[in-house]
Amino acid sequence: MAKKEGKGSRTARADSPRPGSAAEMKKFRAEQDLRTLRESESVKSDPSRLRAAKKIAREEVKALRKIGS
Protein backbone atom coordinates (compact mmCIF):
# COMPACT_ATOMS: atom_id res chain seq x y z
CA MET A 1 0.00 0.00 0.00
CA ALA A 2 1.39 3.40 -0.99
CA LYS A 3 1.86 6.05 1.66
CA LYS A 4 -0.61 8.92 1.37
CA GLU A 5 0.75 12.44 1.08
CA GLY A 6 -0.96 14.31 3.88
CA LYS A 7 -0.98 17.82 5.22
CA GLY A 8 2.52 19.02 5.99
CA SER A 9 4.20 16.42 3.81
CA ARG A 10 7.09 17.52 1.67
CA THR A 11 6.44 17.10 -2.04
CA ALA A 12 9.23 19.41 -3.25
CA ARG A 13 12.71 18.07 -3.88
CA ALA A 14 15.07 18.48 -0.97
CA ASP A 15 17.39 20.74 -3.00
CA SER A 16 14.58 23.06 -4.15
CA PRO A 17 14.27 26.35 -2.28
CA ARG A 18 10.93 26.89 -0.62
CA PRO A 19 8.60 29.41 -2.31
CA GLY A 20 9.35 32.97 -1.25
CA SER A 21 12.66 32.03 0.35
CA ALA A 22 15.77 34.16 0.06
CA ALA A 23 17.35 31.47 -2.13
CA GLU A 24 14.37 31.50 -4.48
CA MET A 25 14.43 35.31 -4.70
CA LYS A 26 18.17 35.26 -5.41
CA LYS A 27 17.62 32.72 -8.22
CA PHE A 28 14.77 34.78 -9.67
CA ARG A 29 16.93 37.93 -9.61
CA ALA A 30 19.79 36.10 -11.36
CA GLU A 31 17.40 34.84 -14.05
CA GLN A 32 16.04 38.36 -14.53
CA ASP A 33 19.58 39.74 -14.75
CA LEU A 34 20.38 37.18 -17.44
CA ARG A 35 17.33 38.27 -19.46
CA THR A 36 18.45 41.90 -19.07
CA LEU A 37 21.97 41.09 -20.28
CA ARG A 38 20.60 39.23 -23.30
CA GLU A 39 18.35 42.17 -24.18
CA SER A 40 21.28 44.55 -23.72
CA GLU A 41 23.32 42.59 -26.25
CA SER A 42 20.41 42.78 -28.71
CA VAL A 43 20.27 46.57 -28.35
CA LYS A 44 24.05 46.96 -28.66
CA SER A 45 24.13 44.90 -31.87
CA ASP A 46 21.34 46.95 -33.53
CA PRO A 47 22.66 50.42 -34.47
CA SER A 48 19.23 52.03 -34.78
CA ARG A 49 18.05 50.72 -31.39
CA LEU A 50 21.30 51.81 -29.76
CA ARG A 51 21.04 55.28 -31.29
CA ALA A 52 17.46 55.64 -30.08
CA ALA A 53 18.38 54.49 -26.57
CA LYS A 54 21.28 56.94 -26.40
CA LYS A 55 19.01 59.76 -27.53
CA ILE A 56 16.56 58.99 -24.72
CA ALA A 57 19.45 58.76 -22.24
CA ARG A 58 20.68 62.24 -23.27
CA GLU A 59 17.17 63.65 -22.85
CA GLU A 60 16.87 62.13 -19.37
CA VAL A 61 20.27 63.46 -18.32
CA LYS A 62 19.26 66.92 -19.54
CA ALA A 63 16.01 66.76 -17.54
CA LEU A 64 17.85 65.59 -14.41
CA ARG A 65 20.34 68.43 -14.71
CA LYS A 66 17.43 70.90 -14.66
CA ILE A 67 16.18 69.37 -11.43
CA GLY A 68 19.64 69.46 -9.86
CA SER A 69 20.23 73.12 -10.70
PDB file of N, CA and C in Angstrom:
ATOM      1  N   MET A   1       0.846  -1.178   0.000  1.00  0.00           N
ATOM      2  CA  MET A   1       0.000   0.000   0.000  1.00  0.00           C
ATOM      3  C   MET A   1       0.892   1.241   0.000  1.00  0.00           C
ATOM      4  N   ALA A   2       0.599   2.180  -0.873  1.00  0.00           N
ATOM      5  CA  ALA A   2       1.394   3.404  -0.991  1.00  0.00           C
ATOM      6  C   ALA A   2       1.049   4.368   0.126  1.00  0.00           C
ATOM      7  N   LYS A   3       2.054   5.059   0.601  1.00  0.00           N
ATOM      8  CA  LYS A   3       1.859   6.047   1.658  1.00  0.00           C
ATOM      9  C   LYS A   3       1.154   7.270   1.092  1.00  0.00           C
ATOM     10  N   LYS A   4       0.119   7.727   1.795  1.00  0.00           N
ATOM     11  CA  LYS A   4      -0.606   8.922   1.366  1.00  0.00           C
ATOM     12  C   LYS A   4       0.182  10.164   1.707  1.00  0.00           C
ATOM     13  N   GLU A   5       0.138  11.138   0.819  1.00  0.00           N
ATOM     14  CA  GLU A   5       0.753  12.441   1.076  1.00  0.00           C
ATOM     15  C   GLU A   5      -0.268  13.277   1.822  1.00  0.00           C
ATOM     16  N   GLY A   6      -0.007  13.553   3.070  1.00  0.00           N
ATOM     17  CA  GLY A   6      -0.955  14.310   3.877  1.00  0.00           C
ATOM     18  C   GLY A   6      -0.518  15.743   4.071  1.00  0.00           C
ATOM     19  N   LYS A   7      -1.281  16.435   4.891  1.00  0.00           N
ATOM     20  CA  LYS A   7      -0.985  17.824   5.216  1.00  0.00           C
ATOM     21  C   LYS A   7       0.386  17.907   5.876  1.00  0.00           C
ATOM     22  N   GLY A   8       1.198  18.834   5.415  1.00  0.00           N
ATOM     23  CA  GLY A   8       2.517  19.015   5.987  1.00  0.00           C
ATOM     24  C   GLY A   8       3.582  18.126   5.364  1.00  0.00           C
ATOM     25  N   SER A   9       3.192  17.263   4.439  1.00  0.00           N
ATOM     26  CA  SER A   9       4.205  16.424   3.813  1.00  0.00           C
ATOM     27  C   SER A   9       5.012  17.236   2.809  1.00  0.00           C
ATOM     28  N   ARG A  10       6.213  16.798   2.593  1.00  0.00           N
ATOM     29  CA  ARG A  10       7.091  17.521   1.670  1.00  0.00           C
ATOM     30  C   ARG A  10       7.008  16.874   0.301  1.00  0.00           C
ATOM     31  N   THR A  11       6.523  17.623  -0.682  1.00  0.00           N
ATOM     32  CA  THR A  11       6.444  17.102  -2.036  1.00  0.00           C
ATOM     33  C   THR A  11       7.529  17.694  -2.916  1.00  0.00           C
ATOM     34  N   ALA A  12       8.164  18.779  -2.479  1.00  0.00           N
ATOM     35  CA  ALA A  12       9.231  19.407  -3.254  1.00  0.00           C
ATOM     36  C   ALA A  12      10.516  18.625  -3.044  1.00  0.00           C
ATOM     37  N   ARG A  13      11.408  18.706  -4.016  1.00  0.00           N
ATOM     38  CA  ARG A  13      12.707  18.066  -3.880  1.00  0.00           C
ATOM     39  C   ARG A  13      13.464  18.728  -2.739  1.00  0.00           C
ATOM     40  N   ALA A  14      14.324  17.971  -2.120  1.00  0.00           N
ATOM     41  CA  ALA A  14      15.071  18.476  -0.974  1.00  0.00           C
ATOM     42  C   ALA A  14      15.971  19.641  -1.342  1.00  0.00           C
ATOM     43  N   ASP A  15      16.472  19.675  -2.590  1.00  0.00           N
ATOM     44  CA  ASP A  15      17.386  20.743  -2.996  1.00  0.00           C
ATOM     45  C   ASP A  15      16.664  21.953  -3.581  1.00  0.00           C
ATOM     46  N   SER A  16      15.350  21.934  -3.640  1.00  0.00           N
ATOM     47  CA  SER A  16      14.578  23.061  -4.154  1.00  0.00           C
ATOM     48  C   SER A  16      14.334  24.067  -3.039  1.00  0.00           C
ATOM     49  N   PRO A  17      14.569  25.360  -3.322  1.00  0.00           N
ATOM     50  CA  PRO A  17      14.269  26.352  -2.279  1.00  0.00           C
ATOM     51  C   PRO A  17      12.771  26.453  -2.074  1.00  0.00           C
ATOM     52  N   ARG A  18      12.361  26.763  -0.863  1.00  0.00           N
ATOM     53  CA  ARG A  18      10.926  26.888  -0.619  1.00  0.00           C
ATOM     54  C   ARG A  18      10.417  28.182  -1.245  1.00  0.00           C
ATOM     55  N   PRO A  19       9.161  28.212  -1.673  1.00  0.00           N
ATOM     56  CA  PRO A  19       8.600  29.411  -2.313  1.00  0.00           C
ATOM     57  C   PRO A  19       8.743  30.639  -1.426  1.00  0.00           C
ATOM     58  N   GLY A  20       9.219  31.723  -1.993  1.00  0.00           N
ATOM     59  CA  GLY A  20       9.350  32.966  -1.255  1.00  0.00           C
ATOM     60  C   GLY A  20      10.608  33.054  -0.412  1.00  0.00           C
ATOM     61  N   SER A  21      11.440  32.031  -0.464  1.00  0.00           N
ATOM     62  CA  SER A  21      12.655  32.034   0.348  1.00  0.00           C
ATOM     63  C   SER A  21      13.697  32.973  -0.251  1.00  0.00           C
ATOM     64  N   ALA A  22      14.684  33.299   0.546  1.00  0.00           N
ATOM     65  CA  ALA A  22      15.773  34.159   0.064  1.00  0.00           C
ATOM     66  C   ALA A  22      16.497  33.497  -1.098  1.00  0.00           C
ATOM     67  N   ALA A  23      16.672  32.184  -1.041  1.00  0.00           N
ATOM     68  CA  ALA A  23      17.348  31.471  -2.128  1.00  0.00           C
ATOM     69  C   ALA A  23      16.539  31.544  -3.421  1.00  0.00           C
ATOM     70  N   GLU A  24      15.223  31.421  -3.295  1.00  0.00           N
ATOM     71  CA  GLU A  24      14.366  31.504  -4.482  1.00  0.00           C
ATOM     72  C   GLU A  24      14.398  32.914  -5.075  1.00  0.00           C
ATOM     73  N   MET A  25      14.376  33.925  -4.221  1.00  0.00           N
ATOM     74  CA  MET A  25      14.427  35.312  -4.697  1.00  0.00           C
ATOM     75  C   MET A  25      15.762  35.595  -5.378  1.00  0.00           C
ATOM     76  N   LYS A  26      16.842  35.067  -4.821  1.00  0.00           N
ATOM     77  CA  LYS A  26      18.165  35.257  -5.411  1.00  0.00           C
ATOM     78  C   LYS A  26      18.224  34.615  -6.790  1.00  0.00           C
ATOM     79  N   LYS A  27      17.647  33.414  -6.924  1.00  0.00           N
ATOM     80  CA  LYS A  27      17.625  32.722  -8.215  1.00  0.00           C
ATOM     81  C   LYS A  27      16.787  33.512  -9.215  1.00  0.00           C
ATOM     82  N   PHE A  28      15.629  34.001  -8.791  1.00  0.00           N
ATOM     83  CA  PHE A  28      14.774  34.780  -9.674  1.00  0.00           C
ATOM     84  C   PHE A  28      15.508  36.029 -10.164  1.00  0.00           C
ATOM     85  N   ARG A  29      16.200  36.717  -9.241  1.00  0.00           N
ATOM     86  CA  ARG A  29      16.932  37.928  -9.613  1.00  0.00           C
ATOM     87  C   ARG A  29      18.038  37.619 -10.618  1.00  0.00           C
ATOM     88  N   ALA A  30      18.739  36.500 -10.430  1.00  0.00           N
ATOM     89  CA  ALA A  30      19.791  36.100 -11.363  1.00  0.00           C
ATOM     90  C   ALA A  30      19.211  35.791 -12.742  1.00  0.00           C
ATOM     91  N   GLU A  31      18.060  35.136 -12.769  1.00  0.00           N
ATOM     92  CA  GLU A  31      17.401  34.842 -14.051  1.00  0.00           C
ATOM     93  C   GLU A  31      16.971  36.132 -14.740  1.00  0.00           C
ATOM     94  N   GLN A  32      16.440  37.071 -13.975  1.00  0.00           N
ATOM     95  CA  GLN A  32      16.038  38.360 -14.534  1.00  0.00           C
ATOM     96  C   GLN A  32      17.255  39.116 -15.047  1.00  0.00           C
ATOM     97  N   ASP A  33      18.347  39.081 -14.314  1.00  0.00           N
ATOM     98  CA  ASP A  33      19.575  39.737 -14.751  1.00  0.00           C
ATOM     99  C   ASP A  33      20.078  39.145 -16.066  1.00  0.00           C
ATOM    100  N   LEU A  34      19.972  37.834 -16.196  1.00  0.00           N
ATOM    101  CA  LEU A  34      20.380  37.179 -17.441  1.00  0.00           C
ATOM    102  C   LEU A  34      19.517  37.662 -18.605  1.00  0.00           C
ATOM    103  N   ARG A  35      18.206  37.756 -18.398  1.00  0.00           N
ATOM    104  CA  ARG A  35      17.328  38.272 -19.459  1.00  0.00           C
ATOM    105  C   ARG A  35      17.714  39.699 -19.822  1.00  0.00           C
ATOM    106  N   THR A  36      18.043  40.511 -18.823  1.00  0.00           N
ATOM    107  CA  THR A  36      18.450  41.899 -19.066  1.00  0.00           C
ATOM    108  C   THR A  36      19.734  41.951 -19.886  1.00  0.00           C
ATOM    109  N   LEU A  37      20.704  41.119 -19.533  1.00  0.00           N
ATOM    110  CA  LEU A  37      21.967  41.086 -20.281  1.00  0.00           C
ATOM    111  C   LEU A  37      21.756  40.654 -21.730  1.00  0.00           C
ATOM    112  N   ARG A  38      20.888  39.674 -21.920  1.00  0.00           N
ATOM    113  CA  ARG A  38      20.596  39.233 -23.299  1.00  0.00           C
ATOM    114  C   ARG A  38      19.959  40.362 -24.104  1.00  0.00           C
ATOM    115  N   GLU A  39      19.016  41.060 -23.496  1.00  0.00           N
ATOM    116  CA  GLU A  39      18.351  42.172 -24.182  1.00  0.00           C
ATOM    117  C   GLU A  39      19.349  43.285 -24.470  1.00  0.00           C
ATOM    118  N   SER A  40      20.246  43.535 -23.534  1.00  0.00           N
ATOM    119  CA  SER A  40      21.279  44.554 -23.718  1.00  0.00           C
ATOM    120  C   SER A  40      22.141  44.240 -24.939  1.00  0.00           C
ATOM    121  N   GLU A  41      22.515  42.988 -25.083  1.00  0.00           N
ATOM    122  CA  GLU A  41      23.322  42.590 -26.246  1.00  0.00           C
ATOM    123  C   GLU A  41      22.542  42.791 -27.544  1.00  0.00           C
ATOM    124  N   SER A  42      21.239  42.550 -27.520  1.00  0.00           N
ATOM    125  CA  SER A  42      20.413  42.777 -28.713  1.00  0.00           C
ATOM    126  C   SER A  42      20.399  44.251 -29.087  1.00  0.00           C
ATOM    127  N   VAL A  43      20.293  45.119 -28.100  1.00  0.00           N
ATOM    128  CA  VAL A  43      20.274  46.567 -28.353  1.00  0.00           C
ATOM    129  C   VAL A  43      21.632  47.016 -28.882  1.00  0.00           C
ATOM    130  N   LYS A  44      22.705  46.553 -28.239  1.00  0.00           N
ATOM    131  CA  LYS A  44      24.052  46.955 -28.664  1.00  0.00           C
ATOM    132  C   LYS A  44      24.362  46.529 -30.092  1.00  0.00           C
ATOM    133  N   SER A  45      23.822  45.408 -30.528  1.00  0.00           N
ATOM    134  CA  SER A  45      24.130  44.897 -31.872  1.00  0.00           C
ATOM    135  C   SER A  45      23.229  45.503 -32.953  1.00  0.00           C
ATOM    136  N   ASP A  46      22.248  46.313 -32.566  1.00  0.00           N
ATOM    137  CA  ASP A  46      21.339  46.951 -33.530  1.00  0.00           C
ATOM    138  C   ASP A  46      21.580  48.462 -33.492  1.00  0.00           C
ATOM    139  N   PRO A  47      22.297  48.995 -34.496  1.00  0.00           N
ATOM    140  CA  PRO A  47      22.663  50.420 -34.471  1.00  0.00           C
ATOM    141  C   PRO A  47      21.488  51.375 -34.288  1.00  0.00           C
ATOM    142  N   SER A  48      20.359  51.099 -34.905  1.00  0.00           N
ATOM    143  CA  SER A  48      19.231  52.033 -34.776  1.00  0.00           C
ATOM    144  C   SER A  48      18.641  51.995 -33.360  1.00  0.00           C
ATOM    145  N   ARG A  49      18.554  50.821 -32.768  1.00  0.00           N
ATOM    146  CA  ARG A  49      18.052  50.721 -31.389  1.00  0.00           C
ATOM    147  C   ARG A  49      19.014  51.399 -30.422  1.00  0.00           C
ATOM    148  N   LEU A  50      20.306  51.206 -30.628  1.00  0.00           N
ATOM    149  CA  LEU A  50      21.304  51.806 -29.757  1.00  0.00           C
ATOM    150  C   LEU A  50      21.261  53.330 -29.870  1.00  0.00           C
ATOM    151  N   ARG A  51      21.144  53.836 -31.073  1.00  0.00           N
ATOM    152  CA  ARG A  51      21.043  55.285 -31.290  1.00  0.00           C
ATOM    153  C   ARG A  51      19.824  55.857 -30.573  1.00  0.00           C
ATOM    154  N   ALA A  52      18.695  55.180 -30.717  1.00  0.00           N
ATOM    155  CA  ALA A  52      17.456  55.643 -30.076  1.00  0.00           C
ATOM    156  C   ALA A  52      17.587  55.622 -28.554  1.00  0.00           C
ATOM    157  N   ALA A  53      18.203  54.586 -28.018  1.00  0.00           N
ATOM    158  CA  ALA A  53      18.381  54.487 -26.568  1.00  0.00           C
ATOM    159  C   ALA A  53      19.305  55.601 -26.064  1.00  0.00           C
ATOM    160  N   LYS A  54      20.362  55.875 -26.805  1.00  0.00           N
ATOM    161  CA  LYS A  54      21.284  56.941 -26.405  1.00  0.00           C
ATOM    162  C   LYS A  54      20.603  58.306 -26.450  1.00  0.00           C
ATOM    163  N   LYS A  55      19.734  58.498 -27.434  1.00  0.00           N
ATOM    164  CA  LYS A  55      19.007  59.763 -27.535  1.00  0.00           C
ATOM    165  C   LYS A  55      18.135  59.971 -26.294  1.00  0.00           C
ATOM    166  N   ILE A  56      17.415  58.923 -25.912  1.00  0.00           N
ATOM    167  CA  ILE A  56      16.562  58.995 -24.724  1.00  0.00           C
ATOM    168  C   ILE A  56      17.414  59.233 -23.474  1.00  0.00           C
ATOM    169  N   ALA A  57      18.565  58.576 -23.395  1.00  0.00           N
ATOM    170  CA  ALA A  57      19.453  58.761 -22.243  1.00  0.00           C
ATOM    171  C   ALA A  57      19.905  60.216 -22.143  1.00  0.00           C
ATOM    172  N   ARG A  58      20.267  60.824 -23.281  1.00  0.00           N
ATOM    173  CA  ARG A  58      20.683  62.235 -23.266  1.00  0.00           C
ATOM    174  C   ARG A  58      19.548  63.136 -22.806  1.00  0.00           C
ATOM    175  N   GLU A  59      18.333  62.858 -23.260  1.00  0.00           N
ATOM    176  CA  GLU A  59      17.170  63.653 -22.852  1.00  0.00           C
ATOM    177  C   GLU A  59      16.929  63.534 -21.347  1.00  0.00           C
ATOM    178  N   GLU A  60      17.077  62.324 -20.808  1.00  0.00           N
ATOM    179  CA  GLU A  60      16.867  62.126 -19.372  1.00  0.00           C
ATOM    180  C   GLU A  60      17.947  62.829 -18.548  1.00  0.00           C
ATOM    181  N   VAL A  61      19.188  62.774 -19.015  1.00  0.00           N
ATOM    182  CA  VAL A  61      20.270  63.462 -18.317  1.00  0.00           C
ATOM    183  C   VAL A  61      20.004  64.963 -18.305  1.00  0.00           C
ATOM    184  N   LYS A  62      19.566  65.485 -19.440  1.00  0.00           N
ATOM    185  CA  LYS A  62      19.259  66.918 -19.543  1.00  0.00           C
ATOM    186  C   LYS A  62      18.158  67.299 -18.547  1.00  0.00           C
ATOM    187  N   ALA A  63      17.116  66.481 -18.459  1.00  0.00           N
ATOM    188  CA  ALA A  63      16.008  66.756 -17.539  1.00  0.00           C
ATOM    189  C   ALA A  63      16.489  66.677 -16.084  1.00  0.00           C
ATOM    190  N   LEU A  64      17.331  65.718 -15.777  1.00  0.00           N
ATOM    191  CA  LEU A  64      17.849  65.586 -14.413  1.00  0.00           C
ATOM    192  C   LEU A  64      18.740  66.764 -14.038  1.00  0.00           C
ATOM    193  N   ARG A  65      19.487  67.260 -14.998  1.00  0.00           N
ATOM    194  CA  ARG A  65      20.336  68.425 -14.712  1.00  0.00           C
ATOM    195  C   ARG A  65      19.487  69.663 -14.352  1.00  0.00           C
ATOM    196  N   LYS A  66      18.327  69.785 -14.982  1.00  0.00           N
ATOM    197  CA  LYS A  66      17.434  70.897 -14.657  1.00  0.00           C
ATOM    198  C   LYS A  66      16.946  70.789 -13.215  1.00  0.00           C
ATOM    199  N   ILE A  67      16.665  69.587 -12.804  1.00  0.00           N
ATOM    200  CA  ILE A  67      16.184  69.371 -11.431  1.00  0.00           C
ATOM    201  C   ILE A  67      17.302  69.675 -10.433  1.00  0.00           C
ATOM    202  N   GLY A  68      18.510  69.286 -10.763  1.00  0.00           N
ATOM    203  CA  GLY A  68      19.635  69.465  -9.862  1.00  0.00           C
ATOM    204  C   GLY A  68      20.159  70.896  -9.790  1.00  0.00           C
ATOM    205  N   SER A  69      19.721  71.740 -10.685  1.00  0.00           N
ATOM    206  CA  SER A  69      20.235  73.116 -10.703  1.00  0.00           C
ATOM    207  C   SER A  69      19.459  74.042  -9.807  1.00  0.00           C
TER     208      SER A  69
END
